[in-house]
Amino acid sequence: MNPPRPPKAITRHHHDGRIHAYVIEPAAAGRLEPAVVFRPQAGDEAVESAVRPDLERVVYTTPHRVVCLTRTGDLVWESAFEPHSDVRYGHRPGCAWSLDGRTVWVYRPDAMAGRGAGDQWVVHDADSGAVLARRETDTAGHGAFHATHPIDGSIYLNIGEGQDGSVILRGRVGADAEVEFVAYPWVDRCLIDLAPGGEQFMTVDHGQADVAFHHHPTGDVLFTLPVEAFGYDPEDTVVEWSGGYLTPDTAVVTLAGETEEGEEWFRFHLVDVRTGTIGGEATAIEAAHCYDLQPLGDGTWLTDGPVRHHREPTPTS
């Protein structure tokens, strides 16, 4: 029997530059308090960060390198992005831990940083920082985000290329310790979320015309829902690149647009991912903006703070 997985852990960057790590325990509600606070090395401003599942280490990226620290601030390893880039903006390196904490996955937006014609996805040994594998992605992304499969531990990477589209890759460490990479055959779909049970994933068209649900790991489309299916006019309504799995069986899809007076609006709708049936509007879910919502797959969700909400309103003060 596999040991139970630790509770989900996330990071947020504090205004003073420190990295706050939060553990989302099953009973946690309201405003979360950091379980660990990491301080980046002097002079570093973390672009993105991720905490190891046991909270003992953090990795973070700057525009020029990736760094791994212990919770006491000791340097475990670092890896510089060579050659050095003088481009200040427009490229955000990303990072993620594997589910077992043995590897660190780093996205390098080298094209926008002026380091080469394409980007790289690099897998590091989590203890030594040694490079275990490297994939040239043939993209020119501004940034990307990782999503770790909750069951088999494979890593998804969504690379955003601005107006040129979005590329989704998947990587995994095989039984023989060899790293395998797969590129899905789309340049026009944005990864939104992985199902909590791992059997499927959700994407939104880069042009925001529809939402689709795909089989993991093949990527085969299970069903697609265009804007019209939700009862809106596609001429003035889009599917936002937000939402996700509220429960194993229910996803939140975000529709947005503008009124005739130019006022922006957004609404959350529920979809039964077993049948493809559209439910009602999720009026109980409130967020400051459509990207403020992070469904957690267990019937709860996060908003900025971070604040965890249950289906019944919970005081946050």
C-alpha atoms as a PDB file:
ATOM      1  CA  MET A   1       0.000   0.000   0.000  1.00  0.00           C
ATOM      2  CA  ASN A   2       1.297   3.456  -0.919  1.00  0.00           C
ATOM      3  CA  PRO A   3       1.784   5.889   1.980  1.00  0.00           C
ATOM      4  CA  PRO A   4      -0.846   8.637   2.196  1.00  0.00           C
ATOM      5  CA  ARG A   5       0.015  11.773   0.276  1.00  0.00           C
ATOM      6  CA  PRO A   6       0.723  14.871   2.365  1.00  0.00           C
ATOM      7  CA  PRO A   7      -1.800  17.728   2.283  1.00  0.00           C
ATOM      8  CA  LYS A   8      -1.532  20.143  -0.631  1.00  0.00           C
ATOM      9  CA  ALA A   9       1.069  22.878  -0.113  1.00  0.00           C
ATOM     10  CA  ILE A  10       1.229  26.184  -1.982  1.00  0.00           C
ATOM     11  CA  THR A  11       3.418  29.292  -1.908  1.00  0.00           C
ATOM     12  CA  ARG A  12       2.702  32.995  -2.090  1.00  0.00           C
ATOM     13  CA  HIS A  13       5.212  35.851  -2.339  1.00  0.00           C
ATOM     14  CA  HIS A  14       5.001  38.447   0.435  1.00  0.00           C
ATOM     15  CA  HIS A  15       5.572  42.140  -0.263  1.00  0.00           C
ATOM     16  CA  ASP A  16       8.828  42.006   1.735  1.00  0.00           C
ATOM     17  CA  GLY A  17      10.245  39.423  -0.666  1.00  0.00           C
ATOM     18  CA  ARG A  18       9.792  36.396   1.573  1.00  0.00           C
ATOM     19  CA  ILE A  19       8.111  33.223   0.338  1.00  0.00           C
ATOM     20  CA  HIS A  20       5.193  32.032   2.467  1.00  0.00           C
ATOM     21  CA  ALA A  21       4.316  28.330   2.293  1.00  0.00           C
ATOM     22  CA  TYR A  22       0.788  27.250   3.238  1.00  0.00           C
ATOM     23  CA  VAL A  23      -0.563  23.773   3.929  1.00  0.00           C
ATOM     24  CA  ILE A  24      -4.172  23.154   3.004  1.00  0.00           C
ATOM     25  CA  GLU A  25      -5.274  20.743   5.707  1.00  0.00           C
ATOM     26  CA  PRO A  26      -8.692  19.071   5.260  1.00  0.00           C
ATOM     27  CA  ALA A  27     -10.284  21.125   8.045  1.00  0.00           C
ATOM     28  CA  ALA A  28      -8.610  24.437   7.179  1.00  0.00           C
ATOM     29  CA  ALA A  29     -11.046  27.274   6.522  1.00  0.00           C
ATOM     30  CA  GLY A  30     -10.908  31.035   6.185  1.00  0.00           C
ATOM     31  CA  ARG A  31      -7.642  32.924   5.932  1.00  0.00           C
ATOM     32  CA  LEU A  32      -4.679  30.556   5.960  1.00  0.00           C
ATOM     33  CA  GLU A  33      -1.572  31.189   8.035  1.00  0.00           C
ATOM     34  CA  PRO A  34       1.864  30.293   6.620  1.00  0.00           C
ATOM     35  CA  ALA A  35       3.326  27.032   7.893  1.00  0.00           C
ATOM     36  CA  VAL A  36       6.861  28.040   6.878  1.00  0.00           C
ATOM     37  CA  VAL A  37       8.412  31.305   5.710  1.00  0.00           C
ATOM     38  CA  PHE A  38      11.444  31.161   3.432  1.00  0.00           C
ATOM     39  CA  ARG A  39      13.766  34.093   2.802  1.00  0.00           C
ATOM     40  CA  PRO A  40      15.422  34.193  -0.650  1.00  0.00           C
ATOM     41  CA  GLN A  41      19.131  34.897  -0.830  1.00  0.00           C
ATOM     42  CA  ALA A  42      20.267  38.502  -0.602  1.00  0.00           C
ATOM     43  CA  GLY A  43      19.559  40.402  -3.797  1.00  0.00           C
ATOM     44  CA  ASP A  44      17.163  37.792  -5.161  1.00  0.00           C
ATOM     45  CA  GLU A  45      13.609  38.596  -6.114  1.00  0.00           C
ATOM     46  CA  ALA A  46      11.715  35.359  -6.620  1.00  0.00           C
ATOM     47  CA  VAL A  47       9.685  35.180  -9.820  1.00  0.00           C
ATOM     48  CA  GLU A  48       8.051  31.833  -9.049  1.00  0.00           C
ATOM     49  CA  SER A  49       8.455  29.315  -6.243  1.00  0.00           C
ATOM     50  CA  ALA A  50       7.370  25.870  -5.086  1.00  0.00           C
ATOM     51  CA  VAL A  51       7.701  24.124  -1.735  1.00  0.00           C
ATOM     52  CA  ARG A  52       8.600  20.452  -1.349  1.00  0.00           C
ATOM     53  CA  PRO A  53       5.654  18.362  -0.108  1.00  0.00           C
ATOM     54  CA  ASP A  54       7.288  17.910   3.314  1.00  0.00           C
ATOM     55  CA  LEU A  55       7.919  21.696   3.603  1.00  0.00           C
ATOM     56  CA  GLU A  56      11.628  21.166   4.288  1.00  0.00           C
ATOM     57  CA  ARG A  57      12.856  22.850   1.094  1.00  0.00           C
ATOM     58  CA  VAL A  58      11.798  25.497  -1.367  1.00  0.00           C
ATOM     59  CA  VAL A  59      12.878  26.177  -4.927  1.00  0.00           C
ATOM     60  CA  TYR A  60      12.466  29.535  -6.580  1.00  0.00           C
ATOM     61  CA  THR A  61      13.396  31.125  -9.861  1.00  0.00           C
ATOM     62  CA  THR A  62      14.738  34.557 -10.659  1.00  0.00           C
ATOM     63  CA  PRO A  63      15.192  35.816 -14.237  1.00  0.00           C
ATOM     64  CA  HIS A  64      18.737  34.421 -14.096  1.00  0.00           C
ATOM     65  CA  ARG A  65      18.775  31.207 -12.026  1.00  0.00           C
ATOM     66  CA  VAL A  66      16.966  28.588  -9.976  1.00  0.00           C
ATOM     67  CA  VAL A  67      17.772  28.210  -6.269  1.00  0.00           C
ATOM     68  CA  CYS A  68      16.994  25.493  -3.713  1.00  0.00           C
ATOM     69  CA  LEU A  69      17.046  26.372   0.012  1.00  0.00           C
ATOM     70  CA  THR A  70      16.312  24.590   3.264  1.00  0.00           C
ATOM     71  CA  ARG A  71      13.714  26.014   5.636  1.00  0.00           C
ATOM     72  CA  THR A  72      16.595  27.449   7.701  1.00  0.00           C
ATOM     73  CA  GLY A  73      17.869  29.353   4.662  1.00  0.00           C
ATOM     74  CA  ASP A  74      20.870  27.160   3.838  1.00  0.00           C
ATOM     75  CA  LEU A  75      21.701  26.824   0.151  1.00  0.00           C
ATOM     76  CA  VAL A  76      21.213  23.276  -1.153  1.00  0.00           C
ATOM     77  CA  TRP A  77      22.068  24.052  -4.778  1.00  0.00           C
ATOM     78  CA  GLU A  78      21.639  26.633  -7.489  1.00  0.00           C
ATOM     79  CA  SER A  79      21.789  26.571 -11.260  1.00  0.00           C
ATOM     80  CA  ALA A  80      22.426  29.659 -13.363  1.00  0.00           C
ATOM     81  CA  PHE A  81      20.651  30.203 -16.674  1.00  0.00           C
ATOM     82  CA  GLU A  82      23.488  30.586 -19.151  1.00  0.00           C
ATOM     83  CA  PRO A  83      24.360  32.674 -21.005  1.00  0.00           C
ATOM     84  CA  HIS A  84      23.462  35.637 -18.834  1.00  0.00           C
ATOM     85  CA  SER A  85      20.558  37.714 -20.118  1.00  0.00           C
ATOM     86  CA  ASP A  86      20.305  41.500 -19.975  1.00  0.00           C
ATOM     87  CA  VAL A  87      16.611  41.380 -20.942  1.00  0.00           C
ATOM     88  CA  ARG A  88      14.750  42.597 -17.866  1.00  0.00           C
ATOM     89  CA  TYR A  89      11.108  41.901 -18.658  1.00  0.00           C
ATOM     90  CA  GLY A  90       8.874  39.554 -20.612  1.00  0.00           C
ATOM     91  CA  HIS A  91      10.284  36.226 -19.406  1.00  0.00           C
ATOM     92  CA  ARG A  92       9.258  34.391 -16.220  1.00  0.00           C
ATOM     93  CA  PRO A  93      11.056  31.111 -15.454  1.00  0.00           C
ATOM     94  CA  GLY A  94       8.903  28.592 -13.581  1.00  0.00           C
ATOM     95  CA  CYS A  95       9.547  25.640 -11.276  1.00  0.00           C
ATOM     96  CA  ALA A  96       7.834  22.664  -9.636  1.00  0.00           C
ATOM     97  CA  TRP A  97       8.602  19.698  -7.381  1.00  0.00           C
ATOM     98  CA  SER A  98       7.779  16.167  -8.360  1.00  0.00           C
ATOM     99  CA  LEU A  99       5.157  14.402  -6.262  1.00  0.00           C
ATOM    100  CA  ASP A 100       7.826  12.324  -4.511  1.00  0.00           C
ATOM    101  CA  GLY A 101      10.153  15.312  -3.944  1.00  0.00           C
ATOM    102  CA  ARG A 102      13.032  13.697  -5.832  1.00  0.00           C
ATOM    103  CA  THR A 103      13.167  15.978  -8.850  1.00  0.00           C
ATOM    104  CA  VAL A 104      12.717  19.672  -9.632  1.00  0.00           C
ATOM    105  CA  TRP A 105      11.286  20.723 -13.003  1.00  0.00           C
ATOM    106  CA  VAL A 106      12.305  24.122 -14.368  1.00  0.00           C
ATOM    107  CA  TYR A 107      10.929  26.004 -17.353  1.00  0.00           C
ATOM    108  CA  ARG A 108      13.423  28.377 -18.997  1.00  0.00           C
ATOM    109  CA  PRO A 109      11.911  31.007 -21.361  1.00  0.00           C
ATOM    110  CA  ASP A 110      15.225  31.340 -23.168  1.00  0.00           C
ATOM    111  CA  ALA A 111      13.885  32.789 -26.417  1.00  0.00           C
ATOM    112  CA  MET A 112      12.350  35.864 -24.777  1.00  0.00           C
ATOM    113  CA  ALA A 113      15.412  36.204 -22.558  1.00  0.00           C
ATOM    114  CA  GLY A 114      17.642  36.344 -25.639  1.00  0.00           C
ATOM    115  CA  ARG A 115      19.486  33.120 -24.778  1.00  0.00           C
ATOM    116  CA  GLY A 116      18.565  31.226 -27.913  1.00  0.00           C
ATOM    117  CA  ALA A 117      15.926  30.464 -30.506  1.00  0.00           C
ATOM    118  CA  GLY A 118      13.769  28.303 -28.226  1.00  0.00           C
ATOM    119  CA  ASP A 119      12.926  27.529 -24.623  1.00  0.00           C
ATOM    120  CA  GLN A 120      14.000  24.624 -22.423  1.00  0.00           C
ATOM    121  CA  TRP A 121      12.360  22.345 -19.888  1.00  0.00           C
ATOM    122  CA  VAL A 122      14.998  21.011 -17.484  1.00  0.00           C
ATOM    123  CA  VAL A 123      14.759  18.274 -14.842  1.00  0.00           C
ATOM    124  CA  HIS A 124      17.136  18.546 -11.864  1.00  0.00           C
ATOM    125  CA  ASP A 125      18.013  16.056  -9.163  1.00  0.00           C
ATOM    126  CA  ALA A 126      16.418  17.596  -6.071  1.00  0.00           C
ATOM    127  CA  ASP A 127      19.371  16.844  -3.771  1.00  0.00           C
ATOM    128  CA  SER A 128      22.327  17.792  -5.965  1.00  0.00           C
ATOM    129  CA  GLY A 129      20.862  20.039  -8.633  1.00  0.00           C
ATOM    130  CA  ALA A 130      22.415  17.847 -11.323  1.00  0.00           C
ATOM    131  CA  VAL A 131      20.607  17.987 -14.662  1.00  0.00           C
ATOM    132  CA  LEU A 132      18.849  14.666 -15.310  1.00  0.00           C
ATOM    133  CA  ALA A 133      17.136  15.609 -18.558  1.00  0.00           C
ATOM    134  CA  ARG A 134      16.605  18.555 -20.855  1.00  0.00           C
ATOM    135  CA  ARG A 135      13.925  19.167 -23.497  1.00  0.00           C
ATOM    136  CA  GLU A 136      14.118  21.832 -26.199  1.00  0.00           C
ATOM    137  CA  THR A 137      10.496  22.939 -26.460  1.00  0.00           C
ATOM    138  CA  ASP A 138      10.528  24.840 -29.782  1.00  0.00           C
ATOM    139  CA  THR A 139       8.555  27.646 -28.154  1.00  0.00           C
ATOM    140  CA  ALA A 140       9.072  31.335 -27.468  1.00  0.00           C
ATOM    141  CA  GLY A 141       7.066  31.670 -24.273  1.00  0.00           C
ATOM    142  CA  HIS A 142       6.779  34.555 -21.850  1.00  0.00           C
ATOM    143  CA  GLY A 143       6.071  32.186 -18.979  1.00  0.00           C
ATOM    144  CA  ALA A 144       4.537  28.848 -18.082  1.00  0.00           C
ATOM    145  CA  PHE A 145       2.950  26.975 -15.240  1.00  0.00           C
ATOM    146  CA  HIS A 146       3.382  23.417 -14.002  1.00  0.00           C
ATOM    147  CA  ALA A 147       0.688  21.029 -12.779  1.00  0.00           C
ATOM    148  CA  THR A 148       1.573  17.781 -11.022  1.00  0.00           C
ATOM    149  CA  HIS A 149      -0.612  14.758 -11.667  1.00  0.00           C
ATOM    150  CA  PRO A 150      -2.013  13.674  -8.288  1.00  0.00           C
ATOM    151  CA  ILE A 151      -1.729   9.927  -8.909  1.00  0.00           C
ATOM    152  CA  ASP A 152       1.102   8.985 -11.274  1.00  0.00           C
ATOM    153  CA  GLY A 153       3.262  12.042 -10.549  1.00  0.00           C
ATOM    154  CA  SER A 154       3.727  13.096 -14.167  1.00  0.00           C
ATOM    155  CA  ILE A 155       4.224  16.825 -14.706  1.00  0.00           C
ATOM    156  CA  TYR A 156       2.217  18.979 -17.077  1.00  0.00           C
ATOM    157  CA  LEU A 157       3.676  22.210 -18.463  1.00  0.00           C
ATOM    158  CA  ASN A 158       1.607  24.920 -20.151  1.00  0.00           C
ATOM    159  CA  ILE A 159       3.730  27.440 -22.057  1.00  0.00           C
ATOM    160  CA  GLY A 160       2.090  30.738 -22.985  1.00  0.00           C
ATOM    161  CA  GLU A 161       3.353  32.349 -26.182  1.00  0.00           C
ATOM    162  CA  GLY A 162       1.144  35.432 -26.074  1.00  0.00           C
ATOM    163  CA  GLN A 163      -0.788  35.983 -29.307  1.00  0.00           C
ATOM    164  CA  ASP A 164       0.987  32.979 -30.864  1.00  0.00           C
ATOM    165  CA  GLY A 165      -0.902  30.502 -28.699  1.00  0.00           C
ATOM    166  CA  SER A 166      -0.228  28.000 -25.956  1.00  0.00           C
ATOM    167  CA  VAL A 167       1.661  24.681 -25.878  1.00  0.00           C
ATOM    168  CA  ILE A 168       1.047  21.806 -23.436  1.00  0.00           C
ATOM    169  CA  LEU A 169       3.752  19.241 -22.632  1.00  0.00           C
ATOM    170  CA  ARG A 170       3.873  16.345 -20.185  1.00  0.00           C
ATOM    171  CA  GLY A 171       6.904  14.730 -18.582  1.00  0.00           C
ATOM    172  CA  ARG A 172       7.448  11.746 -16.328  1.00  0.00           C
ATOM    173  CA  VAL A 173      10.281   9.776 -14.781  1.00  0.00           C
ATOM    174  CA  GLY A 174       9.946   6.163 -15.910  1.00  0.00           C
ATOM    175  CA  ALA A 175      10.605   2.998 -13.929  1.00  0.00           C
ATOM    176  CA  ASP A 176      14.136   2.901 -15.331  1.00  0.00           C
ATOM    177  CA  ALA A 177      14.731   6.497 -14.100  1.00  0.00           C
ATOM    178  CA  GLU A 178      14.694   7.754 -17.688  1.00  0.00           C
ATOM    179  CA  VAL A 179      12.749  10.974 -18.233  1.00  0.00           C
ATOM    180  CA  GLU A 180      10.099  10.857 -20.940  1.00  0.00           C
ATOM    181  CA  PHE A 181       8.553  13.927 -22.597  1.00  0.00           C
ATOM    182  CA  VAL A 182       5.312  14.133 -24.572  1.00  0.00           C
ATOM    183  CA  ALA A 183       4.035  17.128 -26.561  1.00  0.00           C
ATOM    184  CA  TYR A 184       0.283  17.332 -27.101  1.00  0.00           C
ATOM    185  CA  PRO A 185      -0.674  18.164 -30.702  1.00  0.00           C
ATOM    186  CA  TRP A 186      -2.159  21.617 -30.062  1.00  0.00           C
ATOM    187  CA  VAL A 187      -0.855  25.167 -30.127  1.00  0.00           C
ATOM    188  CA  ASP A 188      -4.242  26.706 -29.379  1.00  0.00           C
ATOM    189  CA  ARG A 189      -5.368  25.231 -26.037  1.00  0.00           C
ATOM    190  CA  CYS A 190      -4.558  26.437 -22.516  1.00  0.00           C
ATOM    191  CA  LEU A 191      -4.337  23.990 -19.625  1.00  0.00           C
ATOM    192  CA  ILE A 192      -6.637  25.007 -16.780  1.00  0.00           C
ATOM    193  CA  ASP A 193      -6.598  22.145 -14.274  1.00  0.00           C
ATOM    194  CA  LEU A 194      -6.089  18.423 -13.645  1.00  0.00           C
ATOM    195  CA  ALA A 195      -8.936  16.397 -12.174  1.00  0.00           C
ATOM    196  CA  PRO A 196      -8.337  15.502  -8.492  1.00  0.00           C
ATOM    197  CA  GLY A 197      -8.604  11.806  -9.361  1.00  0.00           C
ATOM    198  CA  GLY A 198      -6.197  12.255 -12.259  1.00  0.00           C
ATOM    199  CA  GLU A 199      -8.373  10.654 -14.936  1.00  0.00           C
ATOM    200  CA  GLN A 200      -8.816  13.804 -17.047  1.00  0.00           C
ATOM    201  CA  PHE A 201      -7.814  17.444 -17.527  1.00  0.00           C
ATOM    202  CA  MET A 202      -9.483  20.671 -18.582  1.00  0.00           C
ATOM    203  CA  THR A 203      -8.412  23.149 -21.288  1.00  0.00           C
ATOM    204  CA  VAL A 204      -9.785  26.368 -22.780  1.00  0.00           C
ATOM    205  CA  ASP A 205      -9.359  27.408 -26.388  1.00  0.00           C
ATOM    206  CA  HIS A 206      -6.674  30.087 -26.753  1.00  0.00           C
ATOM    207  CA  GLY A 207      -9.217  32.144 -28.673  1.00  0.00           C
ATOM    208  CA  GLN A 208     -11.631  31.608 -25.744  1.00  0.00           C
ATOM    209  CA  ALA A 209     -14.393  30.070 -27.856  1.00  0.00           C
ATOM    210  CA  ASP A 210     -14.857  26.860 -25.836  1.00  0.00           C
ATOM    211  CA  VAL A 211     -13.829  24.626 -22.941  1.00  0.00           C
ATOM    212  CA  ALA A 212     -12.785  20.992 -23.427  1.00  0.00           C
ATOM    213  CA  PHE A 213     -12.168  18.013 -21.173  1.00  0.00           C
ATOM    214  CA  HIS A 214      -9.508  15.466 -22.094  1.00  0.00           C
ATOM    215  CA  HIS A 215      -8.522  11.948 -21.113  1.00  0.00           C
ATOM    216  CA  HIS A 216      -5.278  11.582 -19.147  1.00  0.00           C
ATOM    217  CA  PRO A 217      -2.739  10.745 -20.399  1.00  0.00           C
ATOM    218  CA  THR A 218      -3.725  10.480 -24.075  1.00  0.00           C
ATOM    219  CA  GLY A 219      -5.260  13.944 -24.380  1.00  0.00           C
ATOM    220  CA  ASP A 220      -8.219  12.524 -26.315  1.00  0.00           C
ATOM    221  CA  VAL A 221     -11.162  14.932 -26.151  1.00  0.00           C
ATOM    222  CA  LEU A 222     -14.000  13.631 -23.986  1.00  0.00           C
ATOM    223  CA  PHE A 223     -16.336  16.527 -24.784  1.00  0.00           C
ATOM    224  CA  THR A 224     -16.255  20.197 -25.761  1.00  0.00           C
ATOM    225  CA  LEU A 225     -18.624  22.980 -24.727  1.00  0.00           C
ATOM    226  CA  PRO A 226     -18.707  26.202 -26.797  1.00  0.00           C
ATOM    227  CA  VAL A 227     -19.864  29.554 -25.447  1.00  0.00           C
ATOM    228  CA  GLU A 228     -23.330  29.008 -26.975  1.00  0.00           C
ATOM    229  CA  ALA A 229     -23.881  25.872 -24.896  1.00  0.00           C
ATOM    230  CA  PHE A 230     -23.970  28.056 -21.776  1.00  0.00           C
ATOM    231  CA  GLY A 231     -26.655  30.278 -23.270  1.00  0.00           C
ATOM    232  CA  TYR A 232     -24.440  33.221 -24.236  1.00  0.00           C
ATOM    233  CA  ASP A 233     -23.765  34.977 -27.524  1.00  0.00           C
ATOM    234  CA  PRO A 234     -20.228  34.160 -28.740  1.00  0.00           C
ATOM    235  CA  GLU A 235     -20.067  37.599 -30.343  1.00  0.00           C
ATOM    236  CA  ASP A 236     -19.790  39.288 -26.945  1.00  0.00           C
ATOM    237  CA  THR A 237     -18.932  36.483 -24.491  1.00  0.00           C
ATOM    238  CA  VAL A 238     -15.789  34.383 -24.017  1.00  0.00           C
ATOM    239  CA  VAL A 239     -14.668  31.423 -21.929  1.00  0.00           C
ATOM    240  CA  GLU A 240     -12.003  32.759 -19.567  1.00  0.00           C
ATOM    241  CA  TRP A 241      -8.733  30.944 -18.886  1.00  0.00           C
ATOM    242  CA  SER A 242      -9.792  30.243 -15.323  1.00  0.00           C
ATOM    243  CA  GLY A 243     -11.832  27.816 -13.241  1.00  0.00           C
ATOM    244  CA  GLY A 244     -11.060  24.152 -12.652  1.00  0.00           C
ATOM    245  CA  TYR A 245     -12.294  21.087 -10.805  1.00  0.00           C
ATOM    246  CA  LEU A 246     -14.438  21.950  -7.799  1.00  0.00           C
ATOM    247  CA  THR A 247     -14.962  18.245  -7.039  1.00  0.00           C
ATOM    248  CA  PRO A 248     -13.975  15.040  -8.859  1.00  0.00           C
ATOM    249  CA  ASP A 249     -17.291  15.202 -10.737  1.00  0.00           C
ATOM    250  CA  THR A 250     -17.838  18.957 -11.111  1.00  0.00           C
ATOM    251  CA  ALA A 251     -15.847  21.641 -12.892  1.00  0.00           C
ATOM    252  CA  VAL A 252     -16.198  25.419 -12.743  1.00  0.00           C
ATOM    253  CA  VAL A 253     -16.191  27.146 -16.134  1.00  0.00           C
ATOM    254  CA  THR A 254     -15.892  30.948 -16.303  1.00  0.00           C
ATOM    255  CA  LEU A 255     -17.826  33.016 -18.845  1.00  0.00           C
ATOM    256  CA  ALA A 256     -17.067  36.724 -19.246  1.00  0.00           C
ATOM    257  CA  GLY A 257     -17.923  39.748 -21.331  1.00  0.00           C
ATOM    258  CA  GLU A 258     -18.922  43.416 -21.267  1.00  0.00           C
ATOM    259  CA  THR A 259     -22.255  45.166 -20.913  1.00  0.00           C
ATOM    260  CA  GLU A 260     -23.417  47.708 -23.484  1.00  0.00           C
ATOM    261  CA  GLU A 261     -22.096  50.368 -21.092  1.00  0.00           C
ATOM    262  CA  GLY A 262     -18.623  48.803 -21.230  1.00  0.00           C
ATOM    263  CA  GLU A 263     -18.738  47.300 -17.750  1.00  0.00           C
ATOM    264  CA  GLU A 264     -16.901  43.966 -17.492  1.00  0.00           C
ATOM    265  CA  TRP A 265     -18.672  40.975 -15.963  1.00  0.00           C
ATOM    266  CA  PHE A 266     -17.928  37.306 -15.279  1.00  0.00           C
ATOM    267  CA  ARG A 267     -19.950  34.328 -14.073  1.00  0.00           C
ATOM    268  CA  PHE A 268     -19.036  30.865 -12.867  1.00  0.00           C
ATOM    269  CA  HIS A 269     -20.959  27.892 -14.262  1.00  0.00           C
ATOM    270  CA  LEU A 270     -20.897  24.263 -13.149  1.00  0.00           C
ATOM    271  CA  VAL A 271     -20.358  21.297 -15.476  1.00  0.00           C
ATOM    272  CA  ASP A 272     -20.819  17.609 -14.657  1.00  0.00           C
ATOM    273  CA  VAL A 273     -17.608  16.173 -16.097  1.00  0.00           C
ATOM    274  CA  ARG A 274     -18.991  12.605 -16.081  1.00  0.00           C
ATOM    275  CA  THR A 275     -21.760  13.433 -18.543  1.00  0.00           C
ATOM    276  CA  GLY A 276     -20.851  16.805 -20.049  1.00  0.00           C
ATOM    277  CA  THR A 277     -24.064  18.261 -18.657  1.00  0.00           C
ATOM    278  CA  ILE A 278     -24.113  21.978 -17.871  1.00  0.00           C
ATOM    279  CA  GLY A 279     -25.531  22.823 -14.457  1.00  0.00           C
ATOM    280  CA  GLY A 280     -26.550  26.164 -13.067  1.00  0.00           C
ATOM    281  CA  GLU A 281     -24.589  29.272 -12.294  1.00  0.00           C
ATOM    282  CA  ALA A 282     -22.368  28.859  -9.212  1.00  0.00           C
ATOM    283  CA  THR A 283     -23.701  31.913  -7.397  1.00  0.00           C
ATOM    284  CA  ALA A 284     -22.257  30.744  -4.059  1.00  0.00           C
ATOM    285  CA  ILE A 285     -18.716  31.198  -5.396  1.00  0.00           C
ATOM    286  CA  GLU A 286     -17.577  34.778  -5.013  1.00  0.00           C
ATOM    287  CA  ALA A 287     -14.242  36.170  -6.182  1.00  0.00           C
ATOM    288  CA  ALA A 288     -12.761  39.621  -6.713  1.00  0.00           C
ATOM    289  CA  HIS A 289     -12.066  38.785 -10.356  1.00  0.00           C
ATOM    290  CA  CYS A 290     -12.235  35.684 -12.505  1.00  0.00           C
ATOM    291  CA  TYR A 291      -8.584  34.791 -11.931  1.00  0.00           C
ATOM    292  CA  ASP A 292      -8.960  35.079  -8.164  1.00  0.00           C
ATOM    293  CA  LEU A 293     -10.582  31.627  -8.038  1.00  0.00           C
ATOM    294  CA  GLN A 294      -8.586  28.430  -7.448  1.00  0.00           C
ATOM    295  CA  PRO A 295     -10.797  25.336  -7.044  1.00  0.00           C
ATOM    296  CA  LEU A 296      -9.148  22.632  -4.926  1.00  0.00           C
ATOM    297  CA  GLY A 297     -11.056  19.581  -6.154  1.00  0.00           C
ATOM    298  CA  ASP A 298     -12.592  18.717  -2.783  1.00  0.00           C
ATOM    299  CA  GLY A 299     -15.565  21.078  -2.858  1.00  0.00           C
ATOM    300  CA  THR A 300     -13.541  24.048  -1.571  1.00  0.00           C
ATOM    301  CA  TRP A 301     -11.675  26.864  -3.293  1.00  0.00           C
ATOM    302  CA  LEU A 302      -9.080  29.546  -2.656  1.00  0.00           C
ATOM    303  CA  THR A 303      -9.226  33.272  -3.264  1.00  0.00           C
ATOM    304  CA  ASP A 304      -6.572  35.907  -2.679  1.00  0.00           C
ATOM    305  CA  GLY A 305      -5.120  35.970   0.825  1.00  0.00           C
ATOM    306  CA  PRO A 306      -5.060  33.028   0.537  1.00  0.00           C
ATOM    307  CA  VAL A 307      -8.548  32.386   1.897  1.00  0.00           C
ATOM    308  CA  ARG A 308     -10.139  28.953   1.730  1.00  0.00           C
ATOM    309  CA  HIS A 309     -13.872  28.808   1.163  1.00  0.00           C
ATOM    310  CA  HIS A 310     -16.248  25.927   1.765  1.00  0.00           C
ATOM    311  CA  ARG A 311     -19.679  25.633   0.224  1.00  0.00           C
ATOM    312  CA  GLU A 312     -21.093  27.153   3.372  1.00  0.00           C
ATOM    313  CA  PRO A 313     -19.675  30.669   3.898  1.00  0.00           C
ATOM    314  CA  THR A 314     -16.897  30.720   6.492  1.00  0.00           C
ATOM    315  CA  PRO A 315     -15.875  33.920   8.336  1.00  0.00           C
ATOM    316  CA  THR A 316     -12.379  35.091   7.288  1.00  0.00           C
ATOM    317  CA  SER A 317     -11.714  37.625  10.001  1.00  0.00           C
END
